[in-house]
């Protein structure tokens, strides 16, 4: 059992974080500290409401893939602020807040984001991004790029993907 807050793909928490979507002029907009305020308050409320034994994580768009938008450096600061509040794991994705995004699609295209945030913060990570083959997933975990992988599209296409992957390995 675990709880994962969704702060990616243009959903509400991501909208507060990204300077592309958060144009507020009050205590919840402007500087990075102000843009992080609401997502951190949500995290704190959830962390306080569940037992300490319940892992609480965050799904995060590590970058908007748009100049002047949310980026990996801001993500690192946000993750560090979450760590101080009891973050147990990070599920690293990207994009979703702007139609101007330029995403370099390809196998494992978001894995390097998970790897960088894991290396710079020490938080256990879940990687995503066109992870479609069992060997690819195994290599990501075995090399330490991420602690887990989430092959979402592969599992949507083939719900027994994990069984087939386990049989291959």
N, C-alpha and C. Protein backbone atom coordinates (compact mmCIF):
# COMPACT_ATOMS: atom_id res chain seq x y z
N UNK A 1 0.83 -1.18 0.00
CA UNK A 1 0.00 0.00 0.00
C UNK A 1 0.88 1.25 0.00
N UNK A 2 0.44 2.24 -0.73
CA UNK A 2 1.12 3.53 -0.78
C UNK A 2 0.14 4.56 -1.32
N UNK A 3 0.47 5.80 -1.12
CA UNK A 3 -0.32 6.90 -1.67
C UNK A 3 0.60 7.70 -2.58
N UNK A 4 0.12 8.00 -3.78
CA UNK A 4 0.88 8.81 -4.71
C UNK A 4 0.03 10.02 -5.12
N UNK A 5 0.56 11.20 -4.85
CA UNK A 5 -0.09 12.42 -5.28
C UNK A 5 0.33 12.71 -6.72
N UNK A 6 -0.62 13.15 -7.53
CA UNK A 6 -0.33 13.39 -8.95
C UNK A 6 -0.06 14.88 -9.16
N UNK A 7 1.23 15.19 -9.36
CA UNK A 7 1.64 16.58 -9.60
C UNK A 7 2.26 16.73 -10.98
N UNK A 8 1.73 16.00 -11.96
CA UNK A 8 2.31 16.02 -13.31
C UNK A 8 1.23 16.29 -14.36
N UNK A 9 1.67 16.36 -15.61
CA UNK A 9 0.81 16.34 -16.79
C UNK A 9 -0.24 17.44 -16.86
N UNK A 10 0.03 18.57 -16.24
CA UNK A 10 -0.90 19.69 -16.31
C UNK A 10 -2.06 19.62 -15.34
N UNK A 11 -2.06 18.61 -14.45
CA UNK A 11 -3.10 18.56 -13.44
C UNK A 11 -2.85 19.65 -12.40
N UNK A 12 -3.77 19.82 -11.48
CA UNK A 12 -3.80 20.98 -10.59
C UNK A 12 -2.47 21.29 -9.91
N UNK A 13 -1.84 20.31 -9.28
CA UNK A 13 -0.59 20.60 -8.57
C UNK A 13 0.50 21.06 -9.54
N UNK A 14 0.55 20.46 -10.72
CA UNK A 14 1.51 20.89 -11.74
C UNK A 14 1.20 22.31 -12.20
N UNK A 15 -0.07 22.65 -12.32
CA UNK A 15 -0.44 24.00 -12.74
C UNK A 15 0.07 25.05 -11.76
N UNK A 16 0.11 24.72 -10.48
CA UNK A 16 0.65 25.67 -9.51
C UNK A 16 2.17 25.77 -9.64
N UNK A 17 2.84 24.64 -9.91
CA UNK A 17 4.29 24.63 -9.98
C UNK A 17 4.84 25.36 -11.21
N UNK A 18 4.23 25.17 -12.35
CA UNK A 18 4.78 25.68 -13.60
C UNK A 18 4.56 27.18 -13.76
N UNK A 19 5.63 27.92 -14.08
CA UNK A 19 5.47 29.35 -14.34
C UNK A 19 4.69 29.62 -15.63
N UNK A 20 4.51 28.60 -16.46
CA UNK A 20 3.72 28.78 -17.68
C UNK A 20 2.23 28.87 -17.38
N UNK A 21 1.78 28.12 -16.40
CA UNK A 21 0.36 28.10 -16.07
C UNK A 21 0.02 28.91 -14.83
N UNK A 22 0.97 29.09 -13.94
CA UNK A 22 0.72 29.83 -12.71
C UNK A 22 1.13 31.29 -12.91
N UNK A 23 0.14 32.10 -13.18
CA UNK A 23 0.39 33.54 -13.38
C UNK A 23 -0.23 34.34 -12.23
N UNK A 24 -0.43 33.67 -11.12
CA UNK A 24 -1.01 34.33 -9.94
C UNK A 24 -0.06 35.41 -9.42
N UNK A 25 -0.64 36.39 -8.75
CA UNK A 25 0.15 37.47 -8.16
C UNK A 25 0.00 37.50 -6.64
N UNK A 26 -0.61 36.45 -6.09
CA UNK A 26 -0.80 36.38 -4.64
C UNK A 26 0.29 35.49 -4.01
N UNK A 27 0.02 34.99 -2.84
CA UNK A 27 1.00 34.18 -2.10
C UNK A 27 1.25 32.82 -2.74
N UNK A 28 0.53 32.48 -3.82
CA UNK A 28 0.68 31.18 -4.47
C UNK A 28 1.24 31.29 -5.89
N UNK A 29 1.77 32.44 -6.25
CA UNK A 29 2.32 32.62 -7.59
C UNK A 29 3.53 33.52 -7.58
N UNK A 30 4.28 33.47 -8.67
CA UNK A 30 5.47 34.31 -8.78
C UNK A 30 6.74 33.51 -8.57
N UNK A 31 7.35 33.66 -7.42
CA UNK A 31 8.62 32.98 -7.14
C UNK A 31 8.41 31.46 -7.03
N UNK A 32 9.50 30.74 -7.13
CA UNK A 32 9.43 29.29 -6.99
C UNK A 32 8.84 28.91 -5.63
N UNK A 33 9.29 29.55 -4.58
CA UNK A 33 8.78 29.24 -3.24
C UNK A 33 7.27 29.44 -3.16
N UNK A 34 6.77 30.47 -3.78
CA UNK A 34 5.33 30.72 -3.76
C UNK A 34 4.58 29.71 -4.63
N UNK A 35 5.14 29.34 -5.79
CA UNK A 35 4.49 28.36 -6.67
C UNK A 35 4.47 26.98 -6.05
N UNK A 36 5.46 26.67 -5.21
CA UNK A 36 5.51 25.37 -4.54
C UNK A 36 4.57 25.32 -3.33
N UNK A 37 4.13 26.45 -2.83
CA UNK A 37 3.39 26.51 -1.57
C UNK A 37 2.17 25.58 -1.54
N UNK A 38 1.27 25.69 -2.51
CA UNK A 38 0.06 24.86 -2.49
C UNK A 38 0.37 23.36 -2.62
N UNK A 39 1.18 22.95 -3.61
CA UNK A 39 1.51 21.51 -3.66
C UNK A 39 2.15 21.00 -2.38
N UNK A 40 3.00 21.80 -1.74
CA UNK A 40 3.60 21.37 -0.48
C UNK A 40 2.56 21.28 0.63
N UNK A 41 1.60 22.20 0.65
CA UNK A 41 0.54 22.14 1.65
C UNK A 41 -0.32 20.89 1.46
N UNK A 42 -0.60 20.54 0.21
CA UNK A 42 -1.37 19.33 -0.06
C UNK A 42 -0.58 18.11 0.43
N UNK A 43 0.71 18.06 0.10
CA UNK A 43 1.55 16.94 0.55
C UNK A 43 1.55 16.85 2.07
N UNK A 44 1.75 17.98 2.73
CA UNK A 44 1.77 17.99 4.20
C UNK A 44 0.47 17.47 4.79
N UNK A 45 -0.67 17.87 4.20
CA UNK A 45 -1.97 17.44 4.70
C UNK A 45 -2.14 15.93 4.55
N UNK A 46 -1.74 15.40 3.42
CA UNK A 46 -1.84 13.95 3.21
C UNK A 46 -0.89 13.21 4.15
N UNK A 47 0.35 13.67 4.22
CA UNK A 47 1.33 13.02 5.09
C UNK A 47 0.84 12.99 6.54
N UNK A 48 0.20 14.07 6.98
CA UNK A 48 -0.30 14.17 8.36
C UNK A 48 -1.52 13.28 8.59
N UNK A 49 -2.27 12.97 7.53
CA UNK A 49 -3.53 12.24 7.67
C UNK A 49 -3.36 10.72 7.66
N UNK A 50 -2.19 10.24 7.26
CA UNK A 50 -1.99 8.79 7.17
C UNK A 50 -0.91 8.35 8.14
N UNK A 51 -0.90 7.08 8.50
CA UNK A 51 0.13 6.60 9.43
C UNK A 51 1.53 6.77 8.84
N UNK A 52 2.51 6.95 9.69
CA UNK A 52 3.89 7.11 9.26
C UNK A 52 4.38 5.90 8.47
N UNK A 53 3.77 4.75 8.70
CA UNK A 53 4.16 3.53 7.99
C UNK A 53 3.65 3.50 6.55
N UNK A 54 2.75 4.40 6.19
CA UNK A 54 2.19 4.45 4.84
C UNK A 54 3.09 5.31 3.96
N UNK A 55 3.74 4.72 2.94
CA UNK A 55 4.57 5.52 2.04
C UNK A 55 3.71 6.54 1.27
N UNK A 56 4.22 7.76 1.20
CA UNK A 56 3.56 8.80 0.42
C UNK A 56 4.57 9.34 -0.59
N UNK A 57 4.18 9.31 -1.85
CA UNK A 57 5.04 9.78 -2.92
C UNK A 57 4.36 10.82 -3.78
N UNK A 58 5.10 11.28 -4.77
CA UNK A 58 4.60 12.32 -5.67
C UNK A 58 4.95 11.95 -7.10
N UNK A 59 3.98 12.08 -7.99
CA UNK A 59 4.27 11.99 -9.42
C UNK A 59 4.51 13.41 -9.88
N UNK A 60 5.58 13.61 -10.61
CA UNK A 60 6.04 14.94 -10.95
C UNK A 60 6.43 15.02 -12.42
N UNK A 61 6.01 16.08 -13.09
CA UNK A 61 6.57 16.39 -14.40
C UNK A 61 7.88 17.11 -14.13
N UNK A 62 8.99 16.46 -14.44
CA UNK A 62 10.31 17.02 -14.13
C UNK A 62 10.64 18.22 -15.01
N UNK A 63 10.01 18.32 -16.16
CA UNK A 63 10.19 19.46 -17.06
C UNK A 63 8.93 19.65 -17.89
N UNK A 64 8.69 20.90 -18.25
CA UNK A 64 7.57 21.21 -19.16
C UNK A 64 7.97 21.04 -20.62
N UNK A 65 9.28 20.90 -20.89
CA UNK A 65 9.83 20.85 -22.25
C UNK A 65 9.54 22.14 -23.01
N UNK A 66 9.47 23.27 -22.28
CA UNK A 66 9.25 24.58 -22.88
C UNK A 66 10.18 25.57 -22.18
N UNK A 67 10.91 26.35 -22.95
CA UNK A 67 11.77 27.37 -22.36
C UNK A 67 10.97 28.29 -21.45
N UNK A 68 11.53 28.60 -20.30
CA UNK A 68 10.86 29.46 -19.33
C UNK A 68 9.83 28.75 -18.49
N UNK A 69 9.68 27.45 -18.71
CA UNK A 69 8.72 26.67 -17.92
C UNK A 69 9.39 25.94 -16.78
N UNK A 70 8.64 25.03 -16.20
CA UNK A 70 9.13 24.17 -15.12
C UNK A 70 10.27 23.34 -15.68
N UNK A 71 11.34 23.18 -14.89
CA UNK A 71 12.50 22.46 -15.40
C UNK A 71 13.10 21.58 -14.30
N UNK A 72 14.15 20.86 -14.66
CA UNK A 72 14.75 19.90 -13.75
C UNK A 72 15.35 20.57 -12.50
N UNK A 73 15.88 21.78 -12.65
CA UNK A 73 16.45 22.47 -11.48
C UNK A 73 15.35 22.82 -10.47
N UNK A 74 14.20 23.30 -10.97
CA UNK A 74 13.08 23.59 -10.08
C UNK A 74 12.54 22.30 -9.47
N UNK A 75 12.52 21.25 -10.27
CA UNK A 75 12.07 19.95 -9.77
C UNK A 75 12.93 19.50 -8.60
N UNK A 76 14.25 19.65 -8.74
CA UNK A 76 15.17 19.26 -7.67
C UNK A 76 14.83 20.03 -6.38
N UNK A 77 14.61 21.32 -6.48
CA UNK A 77 14.28 22.11 -5.28
C UNK A 77 12.96 21.67 -4.68
N UNK A 78 11.98 21.36 -5.53
CA UNK A 78 10.69 20.90 -5.05
C UNK A 78 10.84 19.55 -4.35
N UNK A 79 11.59 18.64 -4.94
CA UNK A 79 11.80 17.32 -4.34
C UNK A 79 12.50 17.47 -2.98
N UNK A 80 13.48 18.36 -2.90
CA UNK A 80 14.16 18.58 -1.62
C UNK A 80 13.19 19.11 -0.57
N UNK A 81 12.28 19.99 -0.97
CA UNK A 81 11.27 20.50 -0.04
C UNK A 81 10.31 19.38 0.37
N UNK A 82 9.97 18.50 -0.56
CA UNK A 82 9.13 17.35 -0.23
C UNK A 82 9.85 16.40 0.72
N UNK A 83 11.14 16.18 0.48
CA UNK A 83 11.94 15.32 1.36
C UNK A 83 11.88 15.80 2.80
N UNK A 84 11.98 17.09 2.98
CA UNK A 84 11.95 17.67 4.32
C UNK A 84 10.60 17.44 5.00
N UNK A 85 9.59 17.10 4.20
CA UNK A 85 8.23 16.88 4.71
C UNK A 85 7.87 15.39 4.73
N UNK A 86 8.83 14.51 4.42
CA UNK A 86 8.59 13.08 4.54
C UNK A 86 8.29 12.34 3.26
N UNK A 87 8.74 12.84 2.12
CA UNK A 87 8.55 12.15 0.84
C UNK A 87 9.22 10.77 0.88
N UNK A 88 8.50 9.75 0.43
CA UNK A 88 9.04 8.39 0.40
C UNK A 88 9.51 7.95 -0.97
N UNK A 89 8.89 8.46 -2.03
CA UNK A 89 9.29 8.08 -3.38
C UNK A 89 8.83 9.13 -4.38
N UNK A 90 9.42 9.08 -5.56
CA UNK A 90 9.14 10.03 -6.62
C UNK A 90 8.88 9.27 -7.91
N UNK A 91 7.80 9.59 -8.57
CA UNK A 91 7.41 8.99 -9.85
C UNK A 91 7.63 10.07 -10.90
N UNK A 92 8.66 9.93 -11.72
CA UNK A 92 9.13 11.00 -12.59
C UNK A 92 8.58 10.86 -14.00
N UNK A 93 7.84 11.88 -14.41
CA UNK A 93 7.31 11.97 -15.76
C UNK A 93 7.70 13.33 -16.31
N UNK A 94 6.97 13.83 -17.31
CA UNK A 94 7.28 15.16 -17.84
C UNK A 94 6.13 15.67 -18.70
N UNK A 95 6.17 16.96 -18.96
CA UNK A 95 5.24 17.60 -19.89
C UNK A 95 3.80 17.66 -19.40
N UNK A 96 2.95 18.17 -20.31
CA UNK A 96 1.53 18.15 -20.08
C UNK A 96 0.86 19.47 -19.79
N UNK A 97 1.64 20.52 -19.54
CA UNK A 97 1.01 21.78 -19.17
C UNK A 97 0.92 22.77 -20.33
N UNK A 98 1.65 22.51 -21.42
CA UNK A 98 1.69 23.46 -22.53
C UNK A 98 1.66 22.75 -23.88
N UNK A 99 0.91 23.31 -24.79
CA UNK A 99 0.89 22.78 -26.16
C UNK A 99 2.18 23.11 -26.91
N UNK A 100 3.01 23.98 -26.35
CA UNK A 100 4.28 24.35 -26.97
C UNK A 100 5.40 23.36 -26.66
N UNK A 101 5.10 22.35 -25.85
CA UNK A 101 6.14 21.41 -25.44
C UNK A 101 6.77 20.72 -26.65
N UNK A 102 8.07 20.54 -26.56
CA UNK A 102 8.84 19.84 -27.58
C UNK A 102 9.48 18.63 -26.90
N UNK A 103 8.81 17.49 -26.99
CA UNK A 103 9.25 16.30 -26.28
C UNK A 103 10.06 15.41 -27.21
N UNK A 104 11.27 15.05 -26.82
CA UNK A 104 12.12 14.17 -27.64
C UNK A 104 11.74 12.70 -27.44
N UNK A 105 10.66 12.28 -28.08
CA UNK A 105 10.15 10.92 -27.89
C UNK A 105 11.12 9.87 -28.39
N UNK A 106 11.20 8.80 -27.65
CA UNK A 106 12.03 7.65 -27.98
C UNK A 106 12.02 6.71 -26.80
N UNK A 107 12.45 5.47 -26.99
CA UNK A 107 12.45 4.52 -25.87
C UNK A 107 13.17 5.08 -24.64
N UNK A 108 12.46 5.08 -23.52
CA UNK A 108 13.05 5.53 -22.25
C UNK A 108 13.33 7.02 -22.19
N UNK A 109 12.61 7.83 -22.97
CA UNK A 109 12.94 9.25 -23.09
C UNK A 109 12.87 10.04 -21.80
N UNK A 110 12.21 9.53 -20.76
CA UNK A 110 12.14 10.26 -19.50
C UNK A 110 13.02 9.64 -18.41
N UNK A 111 13.66 8.55 -18.71
CA UNK A 111 14.46 7.84 -17.71
C UNK A 111 15.59 8.72 -17.18
N UNK A 112 16.22 9.50 -18.05
CA UNK A 112 17.33 10.35 -17.59
C UNK A 112 16.86 11.38 -16.56
N UNK A 113 15.62 11.81 -16.64
CA UNK A 113 15.07 12.75 -15.66
C UNK A 113 14.97 12.07 -14.29
N UNK A 114 14.46 10.83 -14.28
CA UNK A 114 14.37 10.07 -13.03
C UNK A 114 15.76 9.82 -12.47
N UNK A 115 16.68 9.45 -13.35
CA UNK A 115 18.05 9.17 -12.92
C UNK A 115 18.70 10.40 -12.29
N UNK A 116 18.53 11.56 -12.92
CA UNK A 116 19.13 12.78 -12.39
C UNK A 116 18.54 13.15 -11.03
N UNK A 117 17.22 13.10 -10.90
CA UNK A 117 16.61 13.45 -9.62
C UNK A 117 16.98 12.45 -8.54
N UNK A 118 17.08 11.18 -8.89
CA UNK A 118 17.51 10.17 -7.91
C UNK A 118 18.94 10.47 -7.45
N UNK A 119 19.81 10.74 -8.39
CA UNK A 119 21.23 11.01 -8.09
C UNK A 119 21.38 12.27 -7.24
N UNK A 120 20.63 13.31 -7.56
CA UNK A 120 20.81 14.60 -6.88
C UNK A 120 20.08 14.70 -5.55
N UNK A 121 19.07 13.84 -5.33
CA UNK A 121 18.29 13.94 -4.08
C UNK A 121 18.34 12.68 -3.23
N UNK A 122 18.65 11.55 -3.84
CA UNK A 122 18.65 10.30 -3.11
C UNK A 122 17.28 9.69 -2.89
N UNK A 123 16.24 10.30 -3.45
CA UNK A 123 14.89 9.78 -3.28
C UNK A 123 14.68 8.57 -4.19
N UNK A 124 14.11 7.48 -3.69
CA UNK A 124 13.77 6.35 -4.56
C UNK A 124 12.84 6.82 -5.68
N UNK A 125 13.14 6.38 -6.91
CA UNK A 125 12.39 6.87 -8.06
C UNK A 125 11.74 5.74 -8.86
N UNK A 126 10.68 6.14 -9.54
CA UNK A 126 10.00 5.30 -10.53
C UNK A 126 10.17 6.02 -11.86
N UNK A 127 10.65 5.29 -12.87
CA UNK A 127 10.86 5.87 -14.19
C UNK A 127 9.76 5.42 -15.15
N UNK A 128 9.44 6.29 -16.09
CA UNK A 128 8.46 6.00 -17.14
C UNK A 128 8.98 6.56 -18.46
N UNK A 129 8.25 6.32 -19.52
CA UNK A 129 8.58 6.94 -20.81
C UNK A 129 8.96 5.94 -21.88
N UNK A 130 7.97 5.36 -22.50
CA UNK A 130 8.17 4.38 -23.57
C UNK A 130 9.10 3.24 -23.14
N UNK A 131 8.80 2.72 -21.98
CA UNK A 131 9.47 1.51 -21.49
C UNK A 131 8.55 0.37 -21.88
N UNK A 132 8.91 -0.33 -22.93
CA UNK A 132 7.99 -1.31 -23.52
C UNK A 132 8.49 -2.75 -23.51
N UNK A 133 9.77 -2.93 -23.26
CA UNK A 133 10.36 -4.26 -23.31
C UNK A 133 10.88 -4.66 -21.93
N UNK A 134 10.75 -5.95 -21.61
CA UNK A 134 11.21 -6.44 -20.31
C UNK A 134 12.69 -6.19 -20.10
N UNK A 135 13.50 -6.41 -21.14
CA UNK A 135 14.94 -6.21 -21.04
C UNK A 135 15.27 -4.75 -20.74
N UNK A 136 14.54 -3.86 -21.37
CA UNK A 136 14.73 -2.42 -21.16
C UNK A 136 14.41 -2.06 -19.70
N UNK A 137 13.29 -2.55 -19.21
CA UNK A 137 12.89 -2.27 -17.82
C UNK A 137 13.93 -2.82 -16.85
N UNK A 138 14.37 -4.04 -17.08
CA UNK A 138 15.37 -4.66 -16.21
C UNK A 138 16.67 -3.87 -16.22
N UNK A 139 17.10 -3.41 -17.39
CA UNK A 139 18.35 -2.66 -17.50
C UNK A 139 18.28 -1.33 -16.73
N UNK A 140 17.15 -0.69 -16.77
CA UNK A 140 16.97 0.59 -16.06
C UNK A 140 17.15 0.38 -14.55
N UNK A 141 16.51 -0.65 -14.03
CA UNK A 141 16.61 -0.93 -12.60
C UNK A 141 17.99 -1.46 -12.24
N UNK A 142 18.50 -2.41 -13.03
CA UNK A 142 19.81 -3.01 -12.73
C UNK A 142 20.94 -1.99 -12.77
N UNK A 143 20.84 -1.00 -13.64
CA UNK A 143 21.90 0.01 -13.74
C UNK A 143 21.78 1.10 -12.68
N UNK A 144 20.66 1.11 -11.94
CA UNK A 144 20.47 2.12 -10.91
C UNK A 144 19.91 3.43 -11.41
N UNK A 145 19.48 3.46 -12.68
CA UNK A 145 18.88 4.70 -13.19
C UNK A 145 17.60 5.04 -12.45
N UNK A 146 16.88 4.02 -12.01
CA UNK A 146 15.65 4.19 -11.23
C UNK A 146 15.49 2.95 -10.36
N UNK A 147 14.65 3.06 -9.35
CA UNK A 147 14.41 1.94 -8.46
C UNK A 147 13.29 1.04 -8.95
N UNK A 148 12.41 1.61 -9.73
CA UNK A 148 11.30 0.88 -10.32
C UNK A 148 10.98 1.49 -11.67
N UNK A 149 10.24 0.75 -12.47
CA UNK A 149 9.73 1.29 -13.73
C UNK A 149 8.22 1.10 -13.74
N UNK A 150 7.53 1.95 -14.51
CA UNK A 150 6.09 1.86 -14.65
C UNK A 150 5.76 1.87 -16.15
N UNK A 151 5.70 0.69 -16.74
CA UNK A 151 5.43 0.60 -18.18
C UNK A 151 3.94 0.73 -18.49
N UNK A 152 3.40 1.90 -18.28
CA UNK A 152 1.95 2.12 -18.36
C UNK A 152 1.35 1.75 -19.70
N UNK A 153 1.87 2.32 -20.78
CA UNK A 153 1.26 2.04 -22.08
C UNK A 153 1.37 0.56 -22.45
N UNK A 154 2.50 -0.03 -22.13
CA UNK A 154 2.66 -1.45 -22.40
C UNK A 154 1.63 -2.28 -21.66
N UNK A 155 1.32 -1.90 -20.43
CA UNK A 155 0.34 -2.66 -19.64
C UNK A 155 -1.08 -2.35 -20.07
N UNK A 156 -1.33 -1.15 -20.57
CA UNK A 156 -2.65 -0.85 -21.10
C UNK A 156 -2.90 -1.66 -22.38
N UNK A 157 -1.87 -1.77 -23.19
CA UNK A 157 -1.97 -2.53 -24.44
C UNK A 157 -2.07 -4.03 -24.16
N UNK A 158 -1.30 -4.49 -23.20
CA UNK A 158 -1.27 -5.92 -22.86
C UNK A 158 -1.31 -6.05 -21.34
N UNK A 159 -2.49 -6.18 -20.76
CA UNK A 159 -2.62 -6.20 -19.30
C UNK A 159 -1.78 -7.26 -18.59
N UNK A 160 -1.37 -8.32 -19.29
CA UNK A 160 -0.54 -9.35 -18.67
C UNK A 160 0.95 -9.12 -18.97
N UNK A 161 1.30 -7.90 -19.35
CA UNK A 161 2.69 -7.55 -19.64
C UNK A 161 3.64 -8.00 -18.53
N UNK A 162 3.32 -7.74 -17.26
CA UNK A 162 4.25 -8.17 -16.20
C UNK A 162 4.48 -9.68 -16.18
N UNK A 163 3.46 -10.45 -16.46
CA UNK A 163 3.64 -11.91 -16.48
C UNK A 163 4.59 -12.30 -17.60
N UNK A 164 4.37 -11.71 -18.77
CA UNK A 164 5.23 -12.02 -19.92
C UNK A 164 6.67 -11.55 -19.66
N UNK A 165 6.81 -10.39 -19.05
CA UNK A 165 8.14 -9.87 -18.73
C UNK A 165 8.84 -10.80 -17.75
N UNK A 166 8.13 -11.24 -16.73
CA UNK A 166 8.72 -12.15 -15.73
C UNK A 166 9.14 -13.47 -16.39
N UNK A 167 8.36 -13.94 -17.32
CA UNK A 167 8.68 -15.18 -18.00
C UNK A 167 9.93 -15.04 -18.88
N UNK A 168 10.12 -13.84 -19.44
CA UNK A 168 11.30 -13.57 -20.28
C UNK A 168 12.57 -13.49 -19.46
N UNK A 169 12.46 -12.98 -18.26
CA UNK A 169 13.64 -12.74 -17.44
C UNK A 169 13.97 -14.01 -16.71
